[in-house]
Amino acid sequence: MARFELLDGDFGTALGLAAPIGETLFAMGLRFASGRDGETDLVSAHMYFNLADQMGADEASTHRQDVAAMMTKAEIGRALRLAREWLARN
């Protein structure tokens, strides 16, 4: 799972433009949900969509619900714990 160090409210760049943190976290959720960089990881996708939703990304809640529908309760619990740990670190 990728880990980011956040020094300010914006991180991640594309074409030299800073992306708001919520949108960057949302993009990470999409990446894990689609398996773009390897195998699909629904736990990480849920975690990033959850964080993106908390940071104001508009579509994150809907995507989180879609991913959760494919997960077990244990997987959802793990994703929620990872999101809390991520927030504590960052």
N, C-alpha and C. Protein backbone atom coordinates (compact mmCIF):
# COMPACT_ATOMS: atom_id res chain seq x y z
N MET A 1 0.84 -1.16 0.00
CA MET A 1 0.00 0.00 0.00
C MET A 1 0.89 1.23 0.00
N ALA A 2 0.52 2.21 -0.75
CA ALA A 2 1.28 3.45 -0.84
C ALA A 2 1.10 4.27 0.43
N ARG A 3 2.12 5.01 0.82
CA ARG A 3 2.04 5.88 1.97
C ARG A 3 2.50 7.26 1.53
N PHE A 4 1.78 8.27 1.94
CA PHE A 4 2.12 9.63 1.58
C PHE A 4 2.41 10.43 2.83
N GLU A 5 3.40 11.28 2.75
CA GLU A 5 3.68 12.24 3.80
C GLU A 5 3.03 13.56 3.38
N LEU A 6 2.19 14.10 4.23
CA LEU A 6 1.50 15.33 3.91
C LEU A 6 2.13 16.49 4.67
N LEU A 7 2.63 17.44 3.94
CA LEU A 7 3.23 18.61 4.57
C LEU A 7 2.32 19.82 4.52
N ASP A 8 1.34 19.80 3.62
CA ASP A 8 0.39 20.89 3.53
C ASP A 8 -0.91 20.35 2.98
N GLY A 9 -1.85 21.23 2.68
CA GLY A 9 -3.17 20.81 2.22
C GLY A 9 -3.22 20.30 0.79
N ASP A 10 -2.18 20.50 0.02
CA ASP A 10 -2.15 20.02 -1.36
C ASP A 10 -0.93 19.12 -1.54
N PHE A 11 -1.10 18.05 -2.28
CA PHE A 11 0.03 17.23 -2.67
C PHE A 11 -0.32 16.48 -3.93
N GLY A 12 0.68 15.98 -4.58
CA GLY A 12 0.45 15.31 -5.85
C GLY A 12 0.44 16.35 -6.95
N THR A 13 1.10 16.06 -8.02
CA THR A 13 1.09 16.99 -9.14
C THR A 13 0.86 16.24 -10.43
N ALA A 14 0.20 16.88 -11.33
CA ALA A 14 0.01 16.36 -12.68
C ALA A 14 0.14 17.56 -13.60
N LEU A 15 1.03 17.47 -14.51
CA LEU A 15 1.27 18.58 -15.43
C LEU A 15 1.65 19.86 -14.69
N GLY A 16 2.30 19.71 -13.54
CA GLY A 16 2.75 20.86 -12.78
C GLY A 16 1.70 21.55 -11.94
N LEU A 17 0.48 21.02 -11.90
CA LEU A 17 -0.58 21.64 -11.12
C LEU A 17 -0.80 20.85 -9.83
N ALA A 18 -0.90 21.54 -8.71
CA ALA A 18 -1.15 20.88 -7.43
C ALA A 18 -2.60 20.39 -7.39
N ALA A 19 -2.80 19.18 -6.92
CA ALA A 19 -4.14 18.61 -6.79
C ALA A 19 -4.57 18.68 -5.33
N PRO A 20 -5.81 19.07 -5.06
CA PRO A 20 -6.29 19.05 -3.68
C PRO A 20 -6.17 17.64 -3.10
N ILE A 21 -5.91 17.55 -1.81
CA ILE A 21 -5.66 16.26 -1.19
C ILE A 21 -6.84 15.30 -1.38
N GLY A 22 -8.06 15.77 -1.27
CA GLY A 22 -9.22 14.88 -1.44
C GLY A 22 -9.26 14.25 -2.81
N GLU A 23 -8.95 15.02 -3.83
CA GLU A 23 -8.95 14.50 -5.20
C GLU A 23 -7.80 13.53 -5.42
N THR A 24 -6.67 13.78 -4.79
CA THR A 24 -5.53 12.87 -4.92
C THR A 24 -5.84 11.55 -4.23
N LEU A 25 -6.44 11.61 -3.04
CA LEU A 25 -6.83 10.38 -2.34
C LEU A 25 -7.90 9.62 -3.14
N PHE A 26 -8.81 10.35 -3.75
CA PHE A 26 -9.83 9.73 -4.60
C PHE A 26 -9.17 8.99 -5.77
N ALA A 27 -8.19 9.61 -6.39
CA ALA A 27 -7.48 8.97 -7.50
C ALA A 27 -6.77 7.70 -7.03
N MET A 28 -6.23 7.74 -5.81
CA MET A 28 -5.60 6.53 -5.27
C MET A 28 -6.64 5.43 -5.08
N GLY A 29 -7.82 5.79 -4.59
CA GLY A 29 -8.90 4.81 -4.46
C GLY A 29 -9.26 4.17 -5.78
N LEU A 30 -9.37 4.99 -6.82
CA LEU A 30 -9.67 4.47 -8.15
C LEU A 30 -8.58 3.52 -8.63
N ARG A 31 -7.35 3.88 -8.34
CA ARG A 31 -6.21 3.06 -8.77
C ARG A 31 -6.27 1.67 -8.13
N PHE A 32 -6.54 1.62 -6.82
CA PHE A 32 -6.61 0.33 -6.13
C PHE A 32 -7.88 -0.44 -6.50
N ALA A 33 -8.98 0.26 -6.72
CA ALA A 33 -10.24 -0.41 -7.08
C ALA A 33 -10.16 -1.04 -8.46
N SER A 34 -9.43 -0.41 -9.35
CA SER A 34 -9.35 -0.89 -10.73
C SER A 34 -8.22 -1.89 -10.94
N GLY A 35 -7.29 -1.94 -10.00
CA GLY A 35 -6.13 -2.80 -10.18
C GLY A 35 -5.19 -2.29 -11.24
N ARG A 36 -5.20 -0.99 -11.45
CA ARG A 36 -4.40 -0.37 -12.51
C ARG A 36 -2.91 -0.69 -12.39
N ASP A 37 -2.41 -0.77 -11.17
CA ASP A 37 -0.98 -1.01 -10.97
C ASP A 37 -0.67 -2.42 -10.50
N GLY A 38 -1.58 -3.34 -10.69
CA GLY A 38 -1.39 -4.71 -10.22
C GLY A 38 -2.75 -5.32 -9.90
N GLU A 39 -2.79 -6.08 -8.83
CA GLU A 39 -4.05 -6.69 -8.43
C GLU A 39 -4.98 -5.67 -7.79
N THR A 40 -6.28 -5.92 -7.93
CA THR A 40 -7.28 -5.09 -7.26
C THR A 40 -7.13 -5.26 -5.75
N ASP A 41 -7.18 -4.16 -5.02
CA ASP A 41 -7.07 -4.18 -3.56
C ASP A 41 -8.25 -3.38 -3.01
N LEU A 42 -9.34 -4.08 -2.69
CA LEU A 42 -10.56 -3.41 -2.25
C LEU A 42 -10.40 -2.77 -0.87
N VAL A 43 -9.59 -3.36 -0.01
CA VAL A 43 -9.37 -2.78 1.32
C VAL A 43 -8.71 -1.41 1.18
N SER A 44 -7.66 -1.35 0.37
CA SER A 44 -6.98 -0.06 0.16
C SER A 44 -7.88 0.92 -0.57
N ALA A 45 -8.64 0.44 -1.55
CA ALA A 45 -9.56 1.31 -2.28
C ALA A 45 -10.58 1.93 -1.32
N HIS A 46 -11.16 1.11 -0.46
CA HIS A 46 -12.14 1.61 0.53
C HIS A 46 -11.49 2.64 1.44
N MET A 47 -10.27 2.33 1.91
CA MET A 47 -9.57 3.24 2.79
C MET A 47 -9.37 4.60 2.12
N TYR A 48 -8.88 4.60 0.88
CA TYR A 48 -8.64 5.87 0.19
C TYR A 48 -9.93 6.60 -0.15
N PHE A 49 -10.98 5.88 -0.54
CA PHE A 49 -12.26 6.54 -0.78
C PHE A 49 -12.80 7.15 0.51
N ASN A 50 -12.64 6.46 1.62
CA ASN A 50 -13.08 6.97 2.91
C ASN A 50 -12.33 8.26 3.25
N LEU A 51 -11.02 8.24 3.10
CA LEU A 51 -10.23 9.44 3.37
C LEU A 51 -10.59 10.57 2.42
N ALA A 52 -10.77 10.25 1.15
CA ALA A 52 -11.13 11.27 0.16
C ALA A 52 -12.47 11.90 0.50
N ASP A 53 -13.42 11.08 0.94
CA ASP A 53 -14.73 11.60 1.35
C ASP A 53 -14.58 12.58 2.51
N GLN A 54 -13.74 12.22 3.48
CA GLN A 54 -13.51 13.10 4.63
C GLN A 54 -12.83 14.40 4.22
N MET A 55 -12.08 14.37 3.12
CA MET A 55 -11.37 15.55 2.64
C MET A 55 -12.17 16.32 1.59
N GLY A 56 -13.42 15.91 1.36
CA GLY A 56 -14.31 16.69 0.50
C GLY A 56 -14.42 16.28 -0.96
N ALA A 57 -13.88 15.13 -1.33
CA ALA A 57 -14.01 14.67 -2.72
C ALA A 57 -15.46 14.26 -2.98
N ASP A 58 -16.06 14.84 -4.00
CA ASP A 58 -17.50 14.70 -4.26
C ASP A 58 -17.98 13.27 -4.46
N GLU A 59 -17.32 12.48 -5.28
CA GLU A 59 -17.80 11.15 -5.65
C GLU A 59 -17.27 10.04 -4.76
N ALA A 60 -16.45 10.36 -3.78
CA ALA A 60 -15.78 9.34 -2.98
C ALA A 60 -16.76 8.47 -2.20
N SER A 61 -17.78 9.06 -1.64
CA SER A 61 -18.75 8.31 -0.85
C SER A 61 -19.44 7.24 -1.68
N THR A 62 -19.85 7.59 -2.88
CA THR A 62 -20.52 6.63 -3.76
C THR A 62 -19.60 5.48 -4.12
N HIS A 63 -18.36 5.79 -4.45
CA HIS A 63 -17.40 4.75 -4.79
C HIS A 63 -17.10 3.87 -3.59
N ARG A 64 -16.99 4.46 -2.41
CA ARG A 64 -16.74 3.68 -1.20
C ARG A 64 -17.87 2.69 -0.97
N GLN A 65 -19.10 3.12 -1.16
CA GLN A 65 -20.25 2.23 -0.99
C GLN A 65 -20.23 1.10 -2.02
N ASP A 66 -19.88 1.41 -3.25
CA ASP A 66 -19.79 0.39 -4.30
C ASP A 66 -18.74 -0.67 -3.95
N VAL A 67 -17.59 -0.21 -3.48
CA VAL A 67 -16.51 -1.13 -3.11
C VAL A 67 -16.94 -1.96 -1.89
N ALA A 68 -17.57 -1.32 -0.92
CA ALA A 68 -17.99 -2.03 0.30
C ALA A 68 -18.97 -3.16 -0.01
N ALA A 69 -19.77 -3.00 -1.06
CA ALA A 69 -20.73 -4.03 -1.44
C ALA A 69 -20.04 -5.32 -1.89
N MET A 70 -18.77 -5.23 -2.25
CA MET A 70 -18.00 -6.39 -2.70
C MET A 70 -17.08 -6.95 -1.62
N MET A 71 -17.15 -6.37 -0.40
CA MET A 71 -16.22 -6.73 0.66
C MET A 71 -16.94 -7.45 1.80
N THR A 72 -16.16 -8.22 2.57
CA THR A 72 -16.69 -8.83 3.79
C THR A 72 -16.66 -7.79 4.91
N LYS A 73 -17.36 -8.08 5.99
CA LYS A 73 -17.35 -7.18 7.15
C LYS A 73 -15.94 -7.05 7.72
N ALA A 74 -15.20 -8.13 7.72
CA ALA A 74 -13.82 -8.09 8.22
C ALA A 74 -12.95 -7.18 7.37
N GLU A 75 -13.12 -7.25 6.06
CA GLU A 75 -12.35 -6.38 5.16
C GLU A 75 -12.70 -4.92 5.37
N ILE A 76 -13.98 -4.64 5.54
CA ILE A 76 -14.41 -3.25 5.79
C ILE A 76 -13.82 -2.76 7.10
N GLY A 77 -13.86 -3.60 8.13
CA GLY A 77 -13.27 -3.23 9.42
C GLY A 77 -11.79 -2.92 9.29
N ARG A 78 -11.09 -3.73 8.51
CA ARG A 78 -9.66 -3.49 8.29
C ARG A 78 -9.44 -2.18 7.56
N ALA A 79 -10.25 -1.90 6.55
CA ALA A 79 -10.12 -0.64 5.81
C ALA A 79 -10.37 0.56 6.71
N LEU A 80 -11.34 0.46 7.59
CA LEU A 80 -11.63 1.56 8.51
C LEU A 80 -10.48 1.77 9.49
N ARG A 81 -9.90 0.67 9.99
CA ARG A 81 -8.75 0.79 10.89
C ARG A 81 -7.57 1.44 10.18
N LEU A 82 -7.32 1.01 8.95
CA LEU A 82 -6.21 1.60 8.19
C LEU A 82 -6.43 3.09 7.93
N ALA A 83 -7.67 3.49 7.68
CA ALA A 83 -7.96 4.91 7.47
C ALA A 83 -7.69 5.71 8.75
N ARG A 84 -8.10 5.17 9.90
CA ARG A 84 -7.83 5.85 11.17
C ARG A 84 -6.33 5.97 11.42
N GLU A 85 -5.59 4.88 11.13
CA GLU A 85 -4.14 4.91 11.31
C GLU A 85 -3.50 5.93 10.37
N TRP A 86 -3.98 5.99 9.14
CA TRP A 86 -3.46 6.95 8.16
C TRP A 86 -3.66 8.38 8.66
N LEU A 87 -4.86 8.64 9.17
CA LEU A 87 -5.15 9.99 9.69
C LEU A 87 -4.25 10.32 10.89
N ALA A 88 -4.00 9.34 11.74
CA ALA A 88 -3.15 9.58 12.91
C ALA A 88 -1.70 9.90 12.50
N ARG A 89 -1.23 9.27 11.42
CA ARG A 89 0.14 9.50 10.94
C ARG A 89 0.27 10.81 10.16
N ASN A 90 -0.83 11.21 9.51
CA ASN A 90 -0.72 12.36 8.62
C ASN A 90 -1.54 13.50 9.16
